[in-house]
Amino acid sequence: MAKHYDPSMRTIFDLHIEDWLEQFGVPRGTPVKIIDSDVSSVSVRADKVLMVLAAVPFILHIECQVSYDPEILRRILRYNVLLHALHKIPVVSVLILLHQKADGPACSGRLRYGVEGHAGGLDFQCQVIRIWKMSSSELLNGGPGTMPLALLTDDAAKNPRQVVIEIARRIVKRTDRRIIKEWSSVFAGLRYTPEHVLKLFKGVDQMLTMEEIIKASSVTPDFLRKAEQLERKTQKLERAEFKRKCREEGLKEGLKEGLKEGLKEGLKEGLKKGLSAARESLLHTGTRLFGAPNRIQHKRILAIDDIKVLLKLQVRAFDVSSWKDLLASVK
């Protein structure tokens, strides 16, 4: 189980290490150098080892666990001592527990032993971070390096879908939004079943696309160009069958063809075409989710003459369970 998540944690550390350094009390902007974590003399490799070039330089050694290891503190102690012997500077060890099943008596953060009446003994301490006890807002605010772990917290479990939506809103303008979304869904699998994870992230790829369209100021050439660019990216990145069909049959035909042709015929005619395309796209998506609308509901949709309202309804469709709930906000 640990091997499945180790590569993701290492990648997050490598790409967004400053987000994590703040969690360990190292101010953002402090020079940091990633060093080799291979302590070859005993053929072991730590999860992540960093040289923090602060006023008093030190080694930051990070270990992540998703399952319980009764020998974890002895293993961390071994890494700590070997790293100190290799680099000759203080070593700070941090244990990050990603799942409650990883917690236990061995994760106290302190290892002591000695014999009364004899010199020697040992008193070793390391910092222990239990992700599920952290605040989801703290992890969300920490940046893309900590954001994917927000769903592992206890407070996120009260409304995990809302946390997923908040992640989508925070990354919508980032060029790496797809990979952050993938990291988030991978780590969500530590706490939720595969079926629940699919439900939590249902429609998120469409949100990342539609949110940008909604924020466009009006139906202008720039708006249309942005919509077409987003559509091309969506064609390359969408994987799920339902999302692909929505894109190909709804957004592709509605936004791309209707709005593209509307641009050629002029802004006024383009708005008309865009409205028609947006209505058809909303009907298509809603029918997929709730079934065909009744006559009154269909008539209400055709009466909507604001393209932004139509696009917002399309995004909201993934958060409600019926046409009635979806149209409740339309006056």
C-alpha atoms as a PDB file:
ATOM      1  CA  MET A   1       0.000   0.000   0.000  1.00  0.00           C
ATOM      2  CA  ALA A   2       2.825   2.395   0.901  1.00  0.00           C
ATOM      3  CA  LYS A   3       4.595   1.847  -2.412  1.00  0.00           C
ATOM      4  CA  HIS A   4       1.442   3.005  -4.238  1.00  0.00           C
ATOM      5  CA  TYR A   5       1.494   6.473  -2.621  1.00  0.00           C
ATOM      6  CA  ASP A   6       5.244   7.030  -2.135  1.00  0.00           C
ATOM      7  CA  PRO A   7       5.867   8.243  -5.746  1.00  0.00           C
ATOM      8  CA  SER A   8       3.065  10.819  -5.463  1.00  0.00           C
ATOM      9  CA  MET A   9       4.389  12.180  -2.162  1.00  0.00           C
ATOM     10  CA  ARG A  10       7.942  12.387  -3.531  1.00  0.00           C
ATOM     11  CA  THR A  11       6.703  14.234  -6.627  1.00  0.00           C
ATOM     12  CA  ILE A  12       4.692  16.699  -4.538  1.00  0.00           C
ATOM     13  CA  PHE A  13       7.733  17.375  -2.342  1.00  0.00           C
ATOM     14  CA  ASP A  14       9.988  17.886  -5.386  1.00  0.00           C
ATOM     15  CA  LEU A  15       7.633  20.289  -7.192  1.00  0.00           C
ATOM     16  CA  HIS A  16       6.197  22.233  -4.241  1.00  0.00           C
ATOM     17  CA  ILE A  17       8.638  21.777  -1.352  1.00  0.00           C
ATOM     18  CA  GLU A  18       8.163  25.381  -0.079  1.00  0.00           C
ATOM     19  CA  ASP A  19       4.493  24.629   0.675  1.00  0.00           C
ATOM     20  CA  TRP A  20       5.625  21.839   2.984  1.00  0.00           C
ATOM     21  CA  LEU A  21       8.537  23.698   4.562  1.00  0.00           C
ATOM     22  CA  GLU A  22       6.042  26.150   6.089  1.00  0.00           C
ATOM     23  CA  GLN A  23       4.337  23.177   7.768  1.00  0.00           C
ATOM     24  CA  PHE A  24       7.695  22.325   9.363  1.00  0.00           C
ATOM     25  CA  GLY A  25       8.341  25.881  10.604  1.00  0.00           C
ATOM     26  CA  VAL A  26      10.812  26.848   7.852  1.00  0.00           C
ATOM     27  CA  PRO A  27       9.935  30.320   6.421  1.00  0.00           C
ATOM     28  CA  ARG A  28       9.054  30.441   2.727  1.00  0.00           C
ATOM     29  CA  GLY A  29      12.042  31.659   0.722  1.00  0.00           C
ATOM     30  CA  THR A  30      14.671  29.915   2.853  1.00  0.00           C
ATOM     31  CA  PRO A  31      17.228  28.346   0.463  1.00  0.00           C
ATOM     32  CA  VAL A  32      16.801  24.564   0.301  1.00  0.00           C
ATOM     33  CA  LYS A  33      18.821  21.922  -1.488  1.00  0.00           C
ATOM     34  CA  ILE A  34      17.496  18.421  -2.169  1.00  0.00           C
ATOM     35  CA  ILE A  35      20.280  15.949  -1.380  1.00  0.00           C
ATOM     36  CA  ASP A  36      20.732  12.225  -1.984  1.00  0.00           C
ATOM     37  CA  SER A  37      18.682  10.232   0.531  1.00  0.00           C
ATOM     38  CA  ASP A  38      20.651   7.021  -0.087  1.00  0.00           C
ATOM     39  CA  VAL A  39      22.596   5.994   3.007  1.00  0.00           C
ATOM     40  CA  SER A  40      24.526   3.376   1.097  1.00  0.00           C
ATOM     41  CA  SER A  41      26.492   2.008   4.048  1.00  0.00           C
ATOM     42  CA  VAL A  42      23.390   0.136   5.227  1.00  0.00           C
ATOM     43  CA  SER A  43      21.526  -0.058   1.891  1.00  0.00           C
ATOM     44  CA  VAL A  44      18.529   2.026   2.962  1.00  0.00           C
ATOM     45  CA  ARG A  45      16.830   5.066   1.440  1.00  0.00           C
ATOM     46  CA  ALA A  46      14.836   7.695   3.307  1.00  0.00           C
ATOM     47  CA  ASP A  47      11.674   9.157   1.747  1.00  0.00           C
ATOM     48  CA  LYS A  48      12.973  12.733   1.376  1.00  0.00           C
ATOM     49  CA  VAL A  49      16.107  14.486   2.616  1.00  0.00           C
ATOM     50  CA  LEU A  50      16.654  18.254   2.301  1.00  0.00           C
ATOM     51  CA  MET A  51      19.490  20.538   3.321  1.00  0.00           C
ATOM     52  CA  VAL A  52      17.948  23.734   4.720  1.00  0.00           C
ATOM     53  CA  LEU A  53      20.431  26.572   4.233  1.00  0.00           C
ATOM     54  CA  ALA A  54      19.150  28.739   7.096  1.00  0.00           C
ATOM     55  CA  ALA A  55      21.311  30.839   9.419  1.00  0.00           C
ATOM     56  CA  VAL A  56      22.070  27.552  11.179  1.00  0.00           C
ATOM     57  CA  PRO A  57      21.991  24.911   8.403  1.00  0.00           C
ATOM     58  CA  PHE A  58      20.343  21.565   9.139  1.00  0.00           C
ATOM     59  CA  ILE A  59      19.122  18.426   7.395  1.00  0.00           C
ATOM     60  CA  LEU A  60      15.350  17.958   7.161  1.00  0.00           C
ATOM     61  CA  HIS A  61      14.492  14.261   6.925  1.00  0.00           C
ATOM     62  CA  ILE A  62      10.866  13.371   6.040  1.00  0.00           C
ATOM     63  CA  GLU A  63       9.201   9.951   6.277  1.00  0.00           C
ATOM     64  CA  CYS A  64       5.602   9.244   5.171  1.00  0.00           C
ATOM     65  CA  GLN A  65       3.512   6.287   6.348  1.00  0.00           C
ATOM     66  CA  VAL A  66       0.129   4.925   5.216  1.00  0.00           C
ATOM     67  CA  SER A  67       0.254   1.733   7.300  1.00  0.00           C
ATOM     68  CA  TYR A  68       1.477   0.887  10.810  1.00  0.00           C
ATOM     69  CA  ASP A  69       5.127  -0.043  11.332  1.00  0.00           C
ATOM     70  CA  PRO A  70       6.070  -0.924  14.931  1.00  0.00           C
ATOM     71  CA  GLU A  71       9.737  -0.316  14.037  1.00  0.00           C
ATOM     72  CA  ILE A  72       9.184   3.119  12.456  1.00  0.00           C
ATOM     73  CA  LEU A  73      10.931   5.159  15.194  1.00  0.00           C
ATOM     74  CA  ARG A  74      13.981   2.876  15.199  1.00  0.00           C
ATOM     75  CA  ARG A  75      14.143   3.164  11.410  1.00  0.00           C
ATOM     76  CA  ILE A  76      13.891   6.970  11.571  1.00  0.00           C
ATOM     77  CA  LEU A  77      16.551   7.031  14.302  1.00  0.00           C
ATOM     78  CA  ARG A  78      18.857   4.979  12.067  1.00  0.00           C
ATOM     79  CA  TYR A  79      18.377   7.396   9.153  1.00  0.00           C
ATOM     80  CA  ASN A  80      18.889  10.385  11.468  1.00  0.00           C
ATOM     81  CA  VAL A  81      22.177   9.115  12.885  1.00  0.00           C
ATOM     82  CA  LEU A  82      23.573   8.003   9.523  1.00  0.00           C
ATOM     83  CA  LEU A  83      22.677  11.314   7.868  1.00  0.00           C
ATOM     84  CA  HIS A  84      24.341  13.217  10.709  1.00  0.00           C
ATOM     85  CA  ALA A  85      27.475  11.084  10.360  1.00  0.00           C
ATOM     86  CA  LEU A  86      27.510  11.687   6.600  1.00  0.00           C
ATOM     87  CA  HIS A  87      26.883  15.474   6.562  1.00  0.00           C
ATOM     88  CA  LYS A  88      28.154  16.520  10.031  1.00  0.00           C
ATOM     89  CA  ILE A  89      25.232  18.908  10.712  1.00  0.00           C
ATOM     90  CA  PRO A  90      22.044  18.559  12.843  1.00  0.00           C
ATOM     91  CA  VAL A  91      19.252  16.391  11.438  1.00  0.00           C
ATOM     92  CA  VAL A  92      15.542  17.084  12.085  1.00  0.00           C
ATOM     93  CA  SER A  93      13.276  14.108  11.398  1.00  0.00           C
ATOM     94  CA  VAL A  94       9.544  14.421  10.615  1.00  0.00           C
ATOM     95  CA  LEU A  95       7.056  11.540  10.414  1.00  0.00           C
ATOM     96  CA  ILE A  96       3.925  12.223   8.317  1.00  0.00           C
ATOM     97  CA  LEU A  97       1.045   9.796   8.911  1.00  0.00           C
ATOM     98  CA  LEU A  98      -1.372   9.858   5.969  1.00  0.00           C
ATOM     99  CA  HIS A  99      -3.930   7.399   7.379  1.00  0.00           C
ATOM    100  CA  GLN A 100      -5.220   6.563  10.856  1.00  0.00           C
ATOM    101  CA  LYS A 101      -4.215   2.937  10.287  1.00  0.00           C
ATOM    102  CA  ALA A 102      -0.598   4.135  10.287  1.00  0.00           C
ATOM    103  CA  ASP A 103      -0.910   5.419  13.861  1.00  0.00           C
ATOM    104  CA  GLY A 104      -0.070   3.422  16.971  1.00  0.00           C
ATOM    105  CA  PRO A 105       2.167   3.199  20.069  1.00  0.00           C
ATOM    106  CA  ALA A 106       5.316   3.307  17.927  1.00  0.00           C
ATOM    107  CA  CYS A 107       4.328   6.723  16.527  1.00  0.00           C
ATOM    108  CA  SER A 108       4.684   8.650  19.778  1.00  0.00           C
ATOM    109  CA  GLY A 109       7.539  10.680  18.334  1.00  0.00           C
ATOM    110  CA  ARG A 110       9.926   9.713  21.131  1.00  0.00           C
ATOM    111  CA  LEU A 111      12.260   6.763  21.598  1.00  0.00           C
ATOM    112  CA  ARG A 112      14.068   6.380  24.935  1.00  0.00           C
ATOM    113  CA  TYR A 113      16.108   3.713  26.631  1.00  0.00           C
ATOM    114  CA  GLY A 114      18.754   3.426  29.335  1.00  0.00           C
ATOM    115  CA  VAL A 115      19.876   1.319  32.275  1.00  0.00           C
ATOM    116  CA  GLU A 116      19.691   2.752  35.784  1.00  0.00           C
ATOM    117  CA  GLY A 117      23.093   3.180  37.336  1.00  0.00           C
ATOM    118  CA  HIS A 118      24.904   3.054  34.030  1.00  0.00           C
ATOM    119  CA  ALA A 119      26.069   5.866  31.752  1.00  0.00           C
ATOM    120  CA  GLY A 120      24.759   6.099  28.208  1.00  0.00           C
ATOM    121  CA  GLY A 121      21.216   5.571  27.019  1.00  0.00           C
ATOM    122  CA  LEU A 122      19.269   7.496  24.404  1.00  0.00           C
ATOM    123  CA  ASP A 123      16.432  10.014  24.151  1.00  0.00           C
ATOM    124  CA  PHE A 124      15.446  10.580  20.500  1.00  0.00           C
ATOM    125  CA  GLN A 125      12.529  12.752  19.356  1.00  0.00           C
ATOM    126  CA  CYS A 126      10.955  13.461  15.977  1.00  0.00           C
ATOM    127  CA  GLN A 127       7.976  15.550  14.900  1.00  0.00           C
ATOM    128  CA  VAL A 128       4.800  13.587  14.066  1.00  0.00           C
ATOM    129  CA  ILE A 129       2.154  15.072  11.737  1.00  0.00           C
ATOM    130  CA  ARG A 130      -1.202  13.296  11.599  1.00  0.00           C
ATOM    131  CA  ILE A 131      -2.822  14.546   8.409  1.00  0.00           C
ATOM    132  CA  TRP A 132      -6.385  13.621   9.432  1.00  0.00           C
ATOM    133  CA  LYS A 133      -6.125  15.906  12.489  1.00  0.00           C
ATOM    134  CA  MET A 134      -5.094  18.913  10.429  1.00  0.00           C
ATOM    135  CA  SER A 135      -7.516  21.556   9.183  1.00  0.00           C
ATOM    136  CA  SER A 136      -8.614  21.095   5.576  1.00  0.00           C
ATOM    137  CA  SER A 137      -8.536  24.889   5.120  1.00  0.00           C
ATOM    138  CA  GLU A 138      -4.919  24.959   6.350  1.00  0.00           C
ATOM    139  CA  LEU A 139      -3.933  22.389   3.724  1.00  0.00           C
ATOM    140  CA  LEU A 140      -5.968  24.159   1.017  1.00  0.00           C
ATOM    141  CA  ASN A 141      -4.298  27.468   1.845  1.00  0.00           C
ATOM    142  CA  GLY A 142      -0.847  25.840   1.929  1.00  0.00           C
ATOM    143  CA  GLY A 143      -0.598  25.757  -1.854  1.00  0.00           C
ATOM    144  CA  PRO A 144      -0.554  22.965  -4.472  1.00  0.00           C
ATOM    145  CA  GLY A 145       1.999  21.022  -2.423  1.00  0.00           C
ATOM    146  CA  THR A 146      -0.446  20.424   0.466  1.00  0.00           C
ATOM    147  CA  MET A 147      -3.830  20.936  -1.235  1.00  0.00           C
ATOM    148  CA  PRO A 148      -4.192  17.336  -2.551  1.00  0.00           C
ATOM    149  CA  LEU A 149      -4.127  16.010   1.047  1.00  0.00           C
ATOM    150  CA  ALA A 150      -7.047  18.172   2.267  1.00  0.00           C
ATOM    151  CA  LEU A 151      -9.539  15.335   1.655  1.00  0.00           C
ATOM    152  CA  LEU A 152      -7.722  13.149   4.211  1.00  0.00           C
ATOM    153  CA  THR A 153      -8.733  15.389   7.142  1.00  0.00           C
ATOM    154  CA  ASP A 154     -11.550  14.631   9.562  1.00  0.00           C
ATOM    155  CA  ASP A 155     -13.243  17.993   9.006  1.00  0.00           C
ATOM    156  CA  ALA A 156     -13.265  17.440   5.213  1.00  0.00           C
ATOM    157  CA  ALA A 157     -15.184  14.192   5.789  1.00  0.00           C
ATOM    158  CA  LYS A 158     -18.203  16.267   6.863  1.00  0.00           C
ATOM    159  CA  ASN A 159     -18.630  17.526   3.285  1.00  0.00           C
ATOM    160  CA  PRO A 160     -15.921  16.063   1.011  1.00  0.00           C
ATOM    161  CA  ARG A 161     -17.713  17.122  -2.180  1.00  0.00           C
ATOM    162  CA  GLN A 162     -17.462  20.766  -1.103  1.00  0.00           C
ATOM    163  CA  VAL A 163     -13.707  20.348  -0.540  1.00  0.00           C
ATOM    164  CA  VAL A 164     -13.347  18.870  -4.040  1.00  0.00           C
ATOM    165  CA  ILE A 165     -15.216  21.861  -5.509  1.00  0.00           C
ATOM    166  CA  GLU A 166     -13.005  24.245  -3.511  1.00  0.00           C
ATOM    167  CA  ILE A 167      -9.886  22.533  -4.891  1.00  0.00           C
ATOM    168  CA  ALA A 168     -11.284  22.918  -8.426  1.00  0.00           C
ATOM    169  CA  ARG A 169     -11.956  26.633  -7.854  1.00  0.00           C
ATOM    170  CA  ARG A 170      -8.448  27.248  -6.517  1.00  0.00           C
ATOM    171  CA  ILE A 171      -6.644  25.510  -9.399  1.00  0.00           C
ATOM    172  CA  VAL A 172      -8.827  26.601 -12.342  1.00  0.00           C
ATOM    173  CA  LYS A 173      -6.276  29.175 -13.549  1.00  0.00           C
ATOM    174  CA  ARG A 174      -3.208  26.991 -12.979  1.00  0.00           C
ATOM    175  CA  THR A 175      -1.514  25.341 -15.950  1.00  0.00           C
ATOM    176  CA  ASP A 176      -0.917  22.225 -13.829  1.00  0.00           C
ATOM    177  CA  ARG A 177      -4.556  21.964 -12.670  1.00  0.00           C
ATOM    178  CA  ARG A 178      -5.035  18.509 -14.202  1.00  0.00           C
ATOM    179  CA  ILE A 179      -2.121  16.930 -12.319  1.00  0.00           C
ATOM    180  CA  ILE A 180      -3.188  18.564  -9.009  1.00  0.00           C
ATOM    181  CA  LYS A 181      -6.666  17.136  -9.573  1.00  0.00           C
ATOM    182  CA  GLU A 182      -5.129  13.706 -10.225  1.00  0.00           C
ATOM    183  CA  TRP A 183      -3.024  13.908  -7.043  1.00  0.00           C
ATOM    184  CA  SER A 184      -6.138  14.874  -5.062  1.00  0.00           C
ATOM    185  CA  SER A 185      -8.127  11.892  -6.368  1.00  0.00           C
ATOM    186  CA  VAL A 186      -5.213   9.500  -5.707  1.00  0.00           C
ATOM    187  CA  PHE A 187      -4.886  10.543  -2.061  1.00  0.00           C
ATOM    188  CA  ALA A 188      -8.687  10.593  -1.616  1.00  0.00           C
ATOM    189  CA  GLY A 189      -8.449   6.840  -2.248  1.00  0.00           C
ATOM    190  CA  LEU A 190      -6.730   6.468   1.139  1.00  0.00           C
ATOM    191  CA  ARG A 191      -9.932   7.478   2.930  1.00  0.00           C
ATOM    192  CA  TYR A 192     -12.766   6.726   0.493  1.00  0.00           C
ATOM    193  CA  THR A 193     -13.750   3.757  -1.657  1.00  0.00           C
ATOM    194  CA  PRO A 194     -13.036   3.905  -5.420  1.00  0.00           C
ATOM    195  CA  GLU A 195     -16.777   4.314  -6.055  1.00  0.00           C
ATOM    196  CA  HIS A 196     -16.987   7.227  -3.617  1.00  0.00           C
ATOM    197  CA  VAL A 197     -13.924   8.888  -5.138  1.00  0.00           C
ATOM    198  CA  LEU A 198     -15.503   8.712  -8.610  1.00  0.00           C
ATOM    199  CA  LYS A 199     -18.678  10.288  -7.212  1.00  0.00           C
ATOM    200  CA  LEU A 200     -16.737  13.044  -5.397  1.00  0.00           C
ATOM    201  CA  PHE A 201     -14.827  14.036  -8.544  1.00  0.00           C
ATOM    202  CA  LYS A 202     -17.777  13.653 -10.920  1.00  0.00           C
ATOM    203  CA  GLY A 203     -17.870  16.605 -13.319  1.00  0.00           C
ATOM    204  CA  VAL A 204     -14.685  18.251 -11.954  1.00  0.00           C
ATOM    205  CA  ASP A 205     -12.944  18.194 -15.361  1.00  0.00           C
ATOM    206  CA  GLN A 206     -15.958  20.002 -16.826  1.00  0.00           C
ATOM    207  CA  MET A 207     -15.892  22.498 -13.949  1.00  0.00           C
ATOM    208  CA  LEU A 208     -12.252  23.311 -14.686  1.00  0.00           C
ATOM    209  CA  THR A 209     -13.257  24.039 -18.283  1.00  0.00           C
ATOM    210  CA  MET A 210     -16.639  25.747 -17.813  1.00  0.00           C
ATOM    211  CA  GLU A 211     -15.475  27.976 -14.927  1.00  0.00           C
ATOM    212  CA  GLU A 212     -13.035  29.729 -17.214  1.00  0.00           C
ATOM    213  CA  ILE A 213     -15.734  30.264 -19.828  1.00  0.00           C
ATOM    214  CA  ILE A 214     -18.143  31.678 -17.241  1.00  0.00           C
ATOM    215  CA  LYS A 215     -15.553  34.236 -16.121  1.00  0.00           C
ATOM    216  CA  ALA A 216     -15.269  35.678 -19.642  1.00  0.00           C
ATOM    217  CA  SER A 217     -16.718  39.176 -19.714  1.00  0.00           C
ATOM    218  CA  SER A 218     -19.014  38.742 -22.740  1.00  0.00           C
ATOM    219  CA  VAL A 219     -19.477  36.978 -26.065  1.00  0.00           C
ATOM    220  CA  THR A 220     -16.496  38.531 -27.830  1.00  0.00           C
ATOM    221  CA  PRO A 221     -13.851  37.163 -30.207  1.00  0.00           C
ATOM    222  CA  ASP A 222     -11.585  36.693 -27.187  1.00  0.00           C
ATOM    223  CA  PHE A 223     -14.328  34.724 -25.400  1.00  0.00           C
ATOM    224  CA  LEU A 224     -14.875  32.519 -28.425  1.00  0.00           C
ATOM    225  CA  ARG A 225     -11.180  31.952 -28.925  1.00  0.00           C
ATOM    226  CA  LYS A 226     -10.792  30.963 -25.260  1.00  0.00           C
ATOM    227  CA  ALA A 227     -13.722  28.570 -25.517  1.00  0.00           C
ATOM    228  CA  GLU A 228     -12.193  26.893 -28.580  1.00  0.00           C
ATOM    229  CA  GLN A 229      -8.789  26.599 -26.875  1.00  0.00           C
ATOM    230  CA  LEU A 230     -10.358  25.035 -23.823  1.00  0.00           C
ATOM    231  CA  GLU A 231     -12.307  22.631 -26.017  1.00  0.00           C
ATOM    232  CA  ARG A 232      -9.138  21.460 -27.755  1.00  0.00           C
ATOM    233  CA  LYS A 233      -7.435  20.871 -24.375  1.00  0.00           C
ATOM    234  CA  THR A 234     -10.492  19.013 -23.127  1.00  0.00           C
ATOM    235  CA  GLN A 235     -10.406  16.706 -26.150  1.00  0.00           C
ATOM    236  CA  LYS A 236      -6.866  15.638 -25.194  1.00  0.00           C
ATOM    237  CA  LEU A 237      -7.359  15.317 -21.433  1.00  0.00           C
ATOM    238  CA  GLU A 238     -10.865  13.887 -20.849  1.00  0.00           C
ATOM    239  CA  ARG A 239     -10.781  10.163 -20.070  1.00  0.00           C
ATOM    240  CA  ALA A 240     -14.107   9.035 -18.650  1.00  0.00           C
ATOM    241  CA  GLU A 241     -16.651   7.811 -21.194  1.00  0.00           C
ATOM    242  CA  PHE A 242     -19.534   9.981 -20.019  1.00  0.00           C
ATOM    243  CA  LYS A 243     -17.390  13.108 -19.951  1.00  0.00           C
ATOM    244  CA  ARG A 244     -16.047  12.360 -23.403  1.00  0.00           C
ATOM    245  CA  LYS A 245     -19.577  12.001 -24.796  1.00  0.00           C
ATOM    246  CA  CYS A 246     -20.687  15.210 -23.066  1.00  0.00           C
ATOM    247  CA  ARG A 247     -17.767  17.009 -24.626  1.00  0.00           C
ATOM    248  CA  GLU A 248     -18.161  15.539 -28.106  1.00  0.00           C
ATOM    249  CA  GLU A 249     -21.960  15.702 -28.348  1.00  0.00           C
ATOM    250  CA  GLY A 250     -22.637  18.772 -26.184  1.00  0.00           C
ATOM    251  CA  LEU A 251     -19.771  21.200 -25.663  1.00  0.00           C
ATOM    252  CA  LYS A 252     -18.055  20.344 -28.965  1.00  0.00           C
ATOM    253  CA  GLU A 253     -21.119  20.719 -31.152  1.00  0.00           C
ATOM    254  CA  GLY A 254     -22.750  23.445 -29.074  1.00  0.00           C
ATOM    255  CA  LEU A 255     -19.939  25.799 -28.117  1.00  0.00           C
ATOM    256  CA  LYS A 256     -17.374  25.135 -30.822  1.00  0.00           C
ATOM    257  CA  GLU A 257     -19.599  24.942 -33.906  1.00  0.00           C
ATOM    258  CA  GLY A 258     -22.394  27.279 -32.806  1.00  0.00           C
ATOM    259  CA  LEU A 259     -20.171  30.001 -31.362  1.00  0.00           C
ATOM    260  CA  LYS A 260     -17.579  29.692 -34.136  1.00  0.00           C
ATOM    261  CA  GLU A 261     -20.216  30.144 -36.824  1.00  0.00           C
ATOM    262  CA  GLY A 262     -21.820  32.914 -34.777  1.00  0.00           C
ATOM    263  CA  LEU A 263     -18.566  34.846 -34.815  1.00  0.00           C
ATOM    264  CA  LYS A 264     -18.531  34.752 -38.605  1.00  0.00           C
ATOM    265  CA  GLU A 265     -22.060  36.111 -38.865  1.00  0.00           C
ATOM    266  CA  GLY A 266     -21.479  38.983 -36.490  1.00  0.00           C
ATOM    267  CA  LEU A 267     -21.659  39.612 -32.780  1.00  0.00           C
ATOM    268  CA  LYS A 268     -25.434  39.950 -32.674  1.00  0.00           C
ATOM    269  CA  GLU A 269     -26.079  36.816 -34.653  1.00  0.00           C
ATOM    270  CA  GLY A 270     -23.235  35.131 -32.762  1.00  0.00           C
ATOM    271  CA  LEU A 271     -24.961  35.802 -29.446  1.00  0.00           C
ATOM    272  CA  LYS A 272     -28.095  34.200 -30.810  1.00  0.00           C
ATOM    273  CA  LYS A 273     -26.161  31.145 -31.979  1.00  0.00           C
ATOM    274  CA  GLY A 274     -24.283  31.006 -28.679  1.00  0.00           C
ATOM    275  CA  LEU A 275     -27.519  31.072 -26.685  1.00  0.00           C
ATOM    276  CA  SER A 276     -28.927  28.272 -28.801  1.00  0.00           C
ATOM    277  CA  ALA A 277     -25.752  26.230 -28.391  1.00  0.00           C
ATOM    278  CA  ALA A 278     -25.679  26.793 -24.624  1.00  0.00           C
ATOM    279  CA  ARG A 279     -29.346  25.779 -24.292  1.00  0.00           C
ATOM    280  CA  GLU A 280     -28.731  22.599 -26.298  1.00  0.00           C
ATOM    281  CA  SER A 281     -25.618  21.826 -24.242  1.00  0.00           C
ATOM    282  CA  LEU A 282     -27.545  22.290 -20.962  1.00  0.00           C
ATOM    283  CA  LEU A 283     -30.423  20.090 -22.201  1.00  0.00           C
ATOM    284  CA  HIS A 284     -27.948  17.450 -23.317  1.00  0.00           C
ATOM    285  CA  THR A 285     -26.032  17.389 -20.012  1.00  0.00           C
ATOM    286  CA  GLY A 286     -29.195  17.504 -17.890  1.00  0.00           C
ATOM    287  CA  THR A 287     -30.800  14.687 -19.857  1.00  0.00           C
ATOM    288  CA  ARG A 288     -27.711  12.579 -19.263  1.00  0.00           C
ATOM    289  CA  LEU A 289     -27.888  13.253 -15.521  1.00  0.00           C
ATOM    290  CA  PHE A 290     -31.643  13.431 -14.743  1.00  0.00           C
ATOM    291  CA  GLY A 291     -33.485  12.168 -17.813  1.00  0.00           C
ATOM    292  CA  ALA A 292     -35.519  14.261 -20.267  1.00  0.00           C
ATOM    293  CA  PRO A 293     -37.150  17.433 -18.831  1.00  0.00           C
ATOM    294  CA  ASN A 294     -40.904  17.742 -18.821  1.00  0.00           C
ATOM    295  CA  ARG A 295     -42.711  20.215 -21.105  1.00  0.00           C
ATOM    296  CA  ILE A 296     -42.717  23.057 -18.551  1.00  0.00           C
ATOM    297  CA  GLN A 297     -39.034  22.578 -17.671  1.00  0.00           C
ATOM    298  CA  HIS A 298     -38.076  22.465 -21.347  1.00  0.00           C
ATOM    299  CA  LYS A 299     -40.000  25.678 -21.975  1.00  0.00           C
ATOM    300  CA  ARG A 300     -38.259  27.442 -19.054  1.00  0.00           C
ATOM    301  CA  ILE A 301     -34.833  26.527 -20.431  1.00  0.00           C
ATOM    302  CA  LEU A 302     -35.711  27.825 -23.890  1.00  0.00           C
ATOM    303  CA  ALA A 303     -36.847  31.094 -22.288  1.00  0.00           C
ATOM    304  CA  ILE A 304     -33.436  31.791 -20.700  1.00  0.00           C
ATOM    305  CA  ASP A 305     -31.710  34.493 -22.783  1.00  0.00           C
ATOM    306  CA  ASP A 306     -28.556  34.997 -20.693  1.00  0.00           C
ATOM    307  CA  ILE A 307     -25.638  32.791 -21.793  1.00  0.00           C
ATOM    308  CA  LYS A 308     -23.861  33.174 -18.445  1.00  0.00           C
ATOM    309  CA  VAL A 309     -26.928  31.831 -16.624  1.00  0.00           C
ATOM    310  CA  LEU A 310     -27.025  28.840 -18.979  1.00  0.00           C
ATOM    311  CA  LEU A 311     -23.346  28.068 -18.469  1.00  0.00           C
ATOM    312  CA  LYS A 312     -23.631  28.402 -14.679  1.00  0.00           C
ATOM    313  CA  LEU A 313     -26.602  25.997 -14.744  1.00  0.00           C
ATOM    314  CA  GLN A 314     -24.475  23.504 -16.677  1.00  0.00           C
ATOM    315  CA  VAL A 315     -21.794  23.612 -13.963  1.00  0.00           C
ATOM    316  CA  ARG A 316     -24.407  23.405 -11.171  1.00  0.00           C
ATOM    317  CA  ALA A 317     -26.012  20.346 -12.815  1.00  0.00           C
ATOM    318  CA  PHE A 318     -23.254  18.173 -11.371  1.00  0.00           C
ATOM    319  CA  ASP A 319     -24.143  19.222  -7.800  1.00  0.00           C
ATOM    320  CA  VAL A 320     -27.930  18.638  -7.841  1.00  0.00           C
ATOM    321  CA  SER A 321     -30.106  15.586  -8.399  1.00  0.00           C
ATOM    322  CA  SER A 322     -33.050  16.748 -10.536  1.00  0.00           C
ATOM    323  CA  TRP A 323     -34.286  19.300 -13.072  1.00  0.00           C
ATOM    324  CA  LYS A 324     -36.462  20.799 -10.335  1.00  0.00           C
ATOM    325  CA  ASP A 325     -33.455  21.502  -8.087  1.00  0.00           C
ATOM    326  CA  LEU A 326     -31.419  22.811 -11.014  1.00  0.00           C
ATOM    327  CA  LEU A 327     -34.061  25.310 -12.155  1.00  0.00           C
ATOM    328  CA  ALA A 328     -35.025  26.429  -8.644  1.00  0.00           C
ATOM    329  CA  SER A 329     -32.590  29.360  -8.843  1.00  0.00           C
ATOM    330  CA  VAL A 330     -33.925  30.603 -12.217  1.00  0.00           C
ATOM    331  CA  LYS A 331     -36.459  33.408 -11.886  1.00  0.00           C
END
